[in-house]
PDB file of N, CA and C in Angstrom:
ATOM      1  N   MET A   1      24.405   6.734  -8.864  1.00  0.00           N
ATOM      2  CA  MET A   1      23.356   6.713  -7.789  1.00  0.00           C
ATOM      3  C   MET A   1      21.759   6.425  -9.060  1.00  0.00           C
ATOM      4  N   ALA A   2      20.816   5.409  -8.675  1.00  0.00           N
ATOM      5  CA  ALA A   2      19.928   6.067  -9.037  1.00  0.00           C
ATOM      6  C   ALA A   2      18.460   6.822  -9.147  1.00  0.00           C
ATOM      7  N   LYS A   3      17.975   7.768 -10.256  1.00  0.00           N
ATOM      8  CA  LYS A   3      17.441   8.513  -9.890  1.00  0.00           C
ATOM      9  C   LYS A   3      16.071   8.058  -9.987  1.00  0.00           C
ATOM     10  N   ASN A   4      14.982   8.498 -10.030  1.00  0.00           N
ATOM     11  CA  ASN A   4      13.047   8.522 -10.579  1.00  0.00           C
ATOM     12  C   ASN A   4      13.637   9.456 -12.438  1.00  0.00           C
ATOM     13  N   THR A   5      12.823   9.047 -13.622  1.00  0.00           N
ATOM     14  CA  THR A   5      12.512  10.176 -14.717  1.00  0.00           C
ATOM     15  C   THR A   5      11.188  10.713 -14.644  1.00  0.00           C
ATOM     16  N   GLY A   6      10.639  10.094 -13.797  1.00  0.00           N
ATOM     17  CA  GLY A   6       9.359  10.680 -13.715  1.00  0.00           C
ATOM     18  C   GLY A   6       8.365   9.942 -14.852  1.00  0.00           C
ATOM     19  N   LEU A   7       8.385   8.791 -15.427  1.00  0.00           N
ATOM     20  CA  LEU A   7       8.463   8.137 -16.585  1.00  0.00           C
ATOM     21  C   LEU A   7       8.126   7.010 -16.428  1.00  0.00           C
ATOM     22  N   GLY A   8       7.630   6.802 -15.256  1.00  0.00           N
ATOM     23  CA  GLY A   8       7.485   5.273 -14.515  1.00  0.00           C
ATOM     24  C   GLY A   8       8.965   4.528 -14.029  1.00  0.00           C
ATOM     25  N   GLY A   9      10.362   4.809 -14.493  1.00  0.00           N
ATOM     26  CA  GLY A   9      11.058   4.597 -14.413  1.00  0.00           C
ATOM     27  C   GLY A   9      12.763   4.431 -13.747  1.00  0.00           C
ATOM     28  N   ARG A  10      13.324   3.975 -13.729  1.00  0.00           N
ATOM     29  CA  ARG A  10      14.611   4.979 -13.331  1.00  0.00           C
ATOM     30  C   ARG A  10      16.497   5.198 -13.929  1.00  0.00           C
ATOM     31  N   SER A  11      16.701   5.816 -14.012  1.00  0.00           N
ATOM     32  CA  SER A  11      17.861   5.492 -14.356  1.00  0.00           C
ATOM     33  C   SER A  11      18.316   5.141 -13.577  1.00  0.00           C
ATOM     34  N   GLY A  12      19.405   4.145 -13.701  1.00  0.00           N
ATOM     35  CA  GLY A  12      20.364   3.506 -13.056  1.00  0.00           C
ATOM     36  C   GLY A  12      19.816   2.460 -11.522  1.00  0.00           C
ATOM     37  N   ALA A  13      20.516   1.662 -11.267  1.00  0.00           N
ATOM     38  CA  ALA A  13      20.201   0.660 -10.660  1.00  0.00           C
ATOM     39  C   ALA A  13      20.261   0.706  -9.815  1.00  0.00           C
ATOM     40  N   VAL A  14      19.769   0.488  -8.665  1.00  0.00           N
ATOM     41  CA  VAL A  14      19.843   0.490  -7.363  1.00  0.00           C
ATOM     42  C   VAL A  14      20.929  -0.654  -6.642  1.00  0.00           C
ATOM     43  N   SER A  15      21.874   0.402  -5.749  1.00  0.00           N
ATOM     44  CA  SER A  15      22.672  -0.371  -5.786  1.00  0.00           C
ATOM     45  C   SER A  15      22.941  -1.403  -3.756  1.00  0.00           C
ATOM     46  N   ASN A  16      23.723  -2.756  -3.696  1.00  0.00           N
ATOM     47  CA  ASN A  16      23.527  -4.107  -2.810  1.00  0.00           C
ATOM     48  C   ASN A  16      21.870  -3.921  -2.555  1.00  0.00           C
ATOM     49  N   ARG A  17      21.006  -4.475  -3.847  1.00  0.00           N
ATOM     50  CA  ARG A  17      19.604  -5.043  -3.800  1.00  0.00           C
ATOM     51  C   ARG A  17      19.178  -5.686  -4.537  1.00  0.00           C
ATOM     52  N   VAL A  18      18.370  -6.702  -4.455  1.00  0.00           N
ATOM     53  CA  VAL A  18      18.211  -8.141  -5.575  1.00  0.00           C
ATOM     54  C   VAL A  18      16.856  -8.129  -4.945  1.00  0.00           C
ATOM     55  N   GLN A  19      15.888  -8.049  -6.227  1.00  0.00           N
ATOM     56  CA  GLN A  19      14.847  -9.144  -5.940  1.00  0.00           C
ATOM     57  C   GLN A  19      13.828 -10.134  -6.566  1.00  0.00           C
ATOM     58  N   LYS A  20      13.957 -11.041  -5.317  1.00  0.00           N
ATOM     59  CA  LYS A  20      13.437 -12.623  -5.986  1.00  0.00           C
ATOM     60  C   LYS A  20      11.699 -12.566  -6.028  1.00  0.00           C
ATOM     61  N   TYR A  21      11.180 -13.468  -7.149  1.00  0.00           N
ATOM     62  CA  TYR A  21       9.199 -13.404  -7.353  1.00  0.00           C
ATOM     63  C   TYR A  21       9.720 -14.690  -6.508  1.00  0.00           C
ATOM     64  N   ASN A  22       8.509 -14.299  -5.129  1.00  0.00           N
ATOM     65  CA  ASN A  22       8.234 -14.844  -3.885  1.00  0.00           C
ATOM     66  C   ASN A  22       6.684 -15.814  -4.495  1.00  0.00           C
ATOM     67  N   PRO A  23       6.842 -17.942  -5.529  1.00  0.00           N
ATOM     68  CA  PRO A  23       5.215 -17.873  -6.147  1.00  0.00           C
ATOM     69  C   PRO A  23       4.530 -18.452  -5.217  1.00  0.00           C
ATOM     70  N   LEU A  24       5.164 -18.511  -3.264  1.00  0.00           N
ATOM     71  CA  LEU A  24       4.302 -18.982  -2.186  1.00  0.00           C
ATOM     72  C   LEU A  24       2.976 -17.671  -2.411  1.00  0.00           C
ATOM     73  N   THR A  25       3.215 -16.803  -2.089  1.00  0.00           N
ATOM     74  CA  THR A  25       2.450 -15.315  -1.738  1.00  0.00           C
ATOM     75  C   THR A  25       2.189 -14.553  -2.930  1.00  0.00           C
ATOM     76  N   ASP A  26       2.509 -14.897  -4.640  1.00  0.00           N
ATOM     77  CA  ASP A  26       2.719 -14.157  -5.752  1.00  0.00           C
ATOM     78  C   ASP A  26       2.924 -13.056  -5.373  1.00  0.00           C
ATOM     79  N   LYS A  27       4.455 -12.462  -4.337  1.00  0.00           N
ATOM     80  CA  LYS A  27       5.062 -10.864  -4.815  1.00  0.00           C
ATOM     81  C   LYS A  27       6.051 -11.094  -4.608  1.00  0.00           C
ATOM     82  N   TRP A  28       6.587  -9.956  -4.762  1.00  0.00           N
ATOM     83  CA  TRP A  28       8.931  -9.880  -4.927  1.00  0.00           C
ATOM     84  C   TRP A  28       8.630  -9.446  -3.500  1.00  0.00           C
ATOM     85  N   ASP A  29      10.347 -10.082  -2.894  1.00  0.00           N
ATOM     86  CA  ASP A  29      11.123  -9.737  -2.039  1.00  0.00           C
ATOM     87  C   ASP A  29      11.855  -9.115  -2.645  1.00  0.00           C
ATOM     88  N   LYS A  30      12.732  -8.438  -1.647  1.00  0.00           N
ATOM     89  CA  LYS A  30      13.827  -7.463  -1.839  1.00  0.00           C
ATOM     90  C   LYS A  30      14.988  -8.513  -0.957  1.00  0.00           C
ATOM     91  N   PHE A  31      16.393  -8.211  -0.662  1.00  0.00           N
ATOM     92  CA  PHE A  31      17.543  -8.588  -0.070  1.00  0.00           C
ATOM     93  C   PHE A  31      18.743  -8.266  -0.406  1.00  0.00           C
ATOM     94  N   THR A  32      19.339  -7.779   0.821  1.00  0.00           N
ATOM     95  CA  THR A  32      20.843  -7.475   0.585  1.00  0.00           C
ATOM     96  C   THR A  32      21.684  -8.436  -0.328  1.00  0.00           C
ATOM     97  N   ARG A  33      22.363  -7.595  -1.510  1.00  0.00           N
ATOM     98  CA  ARG A  33      23.144  -8.915  -1.972  1.00  0.00           C
ATOM     99  C   ARG A  33      23.777  -9.873  -1.029  1.00  0.00           C
ATOM    100  N   ASP A  34      24.437  -9.369   0.524  1.00  0.00           N
ATOM    101  CA  ASP A  34      24.004 -10.618   1.264  1.00  0.00           C
ATOM    102  C   ASP A  34      23.416 -11.804   1.496  1.00  0.00           C
ATOM    103  N   GLY A  35      22.377 -11.320   0.645  1.00  0.00           N
ATOM    104  CA  GLY A  35      20.580 -12.542   0.754  1.00  0.00           C
ATOM    105  C   GLY A  35      20.022 -12.010   2.614  1.00  0.00           C
ATOM    106  N   HIS A  36      19.972 -10.875   3.361  1.00  0.00           N
ATOM    107  CA  HIS A  36      19.038 -10.889   4.113  1.00  0.00           C
ATOM    108  C   HIS A  36      18.092 -10.027   3.265  1.00  0.00           C
ATOM    109  N   TYR A  37      16.783 -10.709   3.934  1.00  0.00           N
ATOM    110  CA  TYR A  37      15.402 -10.452   3.894  1.00  0.00           C
ATOM    111  C   TYR A  37      15.407  -8.807   4.275  1.00  0.00           C
ATOM    112  N   ILE A  38      15.000  -8.205   3.067  1.00  0.00           N
ATOM    113  CA  ILE A  38      14.309  -6.408   3.966  1.00  0.00           C
ATOM    114  C   ILE A  38      12.871  -6.093   3.764  1.00  0.00           C
ATOM    115  N   LYS A  39      12.074  -6.686   2.632  1.00  0.00           N
ATOM    116  CA  LYS A  39      10.258  -6.072   2.537  1.00  0.00           C
ATOM    117  C   LYS A  39      10.225  -6.959   1.411  1.00  0.00           C
ATOM    118  N   THR A  40       8.526  -7.735   1.410  1.00  0.00           N
ATOM    119  CA  THR A  40       7.624  -7.974   0.186  1.00  0.00           C
ATOM    120  C   THR A  40       6.882  -7.056  -0.046  1.00  0.00           C
ATOM    121  N   LYS A  41       6.767  -6.944  -1.383  1.00  0.00           N
ATOM    122  CA  LYS A  41       6.183  -5.783  -2.058  1.00  0.00           C
ATOM    123  C   LYS A  41       4.656  -6.302  -1.706  1.00  0.00           C
ATOM    124  N   SER A  42       3.249  -5.351  -1.463  1.00  0.00           N
ATOM    125  CA  SER A  42       2.401  -5.832  -0.787  1.00  0.00           C
ATOM    126  C   SER A  42       1.539  -5.756  -2.431  1.00  0.00           C
ATOM    127  N   ASP A  43       1.601  -5.217  -3.556  1.00  0.00           N
ATOM    128  CA  ASP A  43       0.900  -5.180  -4.722  1.00  0.00           C
ATOM    129  C   ASP A  43       1.184  -5.875  -5.184  1.00  0.00           C
ATOM    130  N   GLY A  44       2.334  -6.978  -5.544  1.00  0.00           N
ATOM    131  CA  GLY A  44       3.002  -8.135  -6.390  1.00  0.00           C
ATOM    132  C   GLY A  44       2.576  -7.412  -8.149  1.00  0.00           C
ATOM    133  N   GLN A  45       3.729  -6.281  -7.512  1.00  0.00           N
ATOM    134  CA  GLN A  45       4.283  -6.066  -9.085  1.00  0.00           C
ATOM    135  C   GLN A  45       5.939  -5.957  -8.337  1.00  0.00           C
ATOM    136  N   PRO A  46       7.054  -5.879  -9.544  1.00  0.00           N
ATOM    137  CA  PRO A  46       8.372  -6.374  -9.414  1.00  0.00           C
ATOM    138  C   PRO A  46       8.794  -4.426  -8.551  1.00  0.00           C
ATOM    139  N   TRP A  47       9.882  -4.308  -7.901  1.00  0.00           N
ATOM    140  CA  TRP A  47      10.082  -2.822  -7.511  1.00  0.00           C
ATOM    141  C   TRP A  47      10.858  -2.059  -9.083  1.00  0.00           C
ATOM    142  N   LYS A  48      10.731  -1.120  -9.186  1.00  0.00           N
ATOM    143  CA  LYS A  48      11.689  -0.236 -10.336  1.00  0.00           C
ATOM    144  C   LYS A  48      13.087   0.242 -10.103  1.00  0.00           C
ATOM    145  N   GLY A  49      13.927  -0.698 -11.051  1.00  0.00           N
ATOM    146  CA  GLY A  49      15.511   0.048 -10.551  1.00  0.00           C
ATOM    147  C   GLY A  49      16.216  -1.067  -9.198  1.00  0.00           C
ATOM    148  N   ILE A  50      16.146  -2.610  -9.057  1.00  0.00           N
ATOM    149  CA  ILE A  50      16.605  -3.059  -8.790  1.00  0.00           C
ATOM    150  C   ILE A  50      16.035  -4.751  -9.555  1.00  0.00           C
ATOM    151  N   SER A  51      17.711  -4.897  -9.644  1.00  0.00           N
ATOM    152  CA  SER A  51      17.919  -6.010 -10.397  1.00  0.00           C
ATOM    153  C   SER A  51      17.151  -7.601  -9.857  1.00  0.00           C
ATOM    154  N   LYS A  52      16.253  -7.549 -10.433  1.00  0.00           N
ATOM    155  CA  LYS A  52      15.746 -10.174 -10.734  1.00  0.00           C
ATOM    156  C   LYS A  52      16.997 -10.746 -10.793  1.00  0.00           C
ATOM    157  N   SER A  53      16.952 -11.418  -9.433  1.00  0.00           N
ATOM    158  CA  SER A  53      18.134 -12.710  -9.222  1.00  0.00           C
ATOM    159  C   SER A  53      16.772 -14.193  -9.632  1.00  0.00           C
TER     160      SER A  53
END
């Protein structure tokens, strides 16, 4: 289980999630491991604790 450390990061990874950078929108998109879209991050920074692919 992933937990926030309070230092701007996480201990462990969020399971069954993956994030990909979208150069058209200049933002990060979050997907399930099956490839289903979940959400786009509005501030342009990647999510913490989610694997990048």
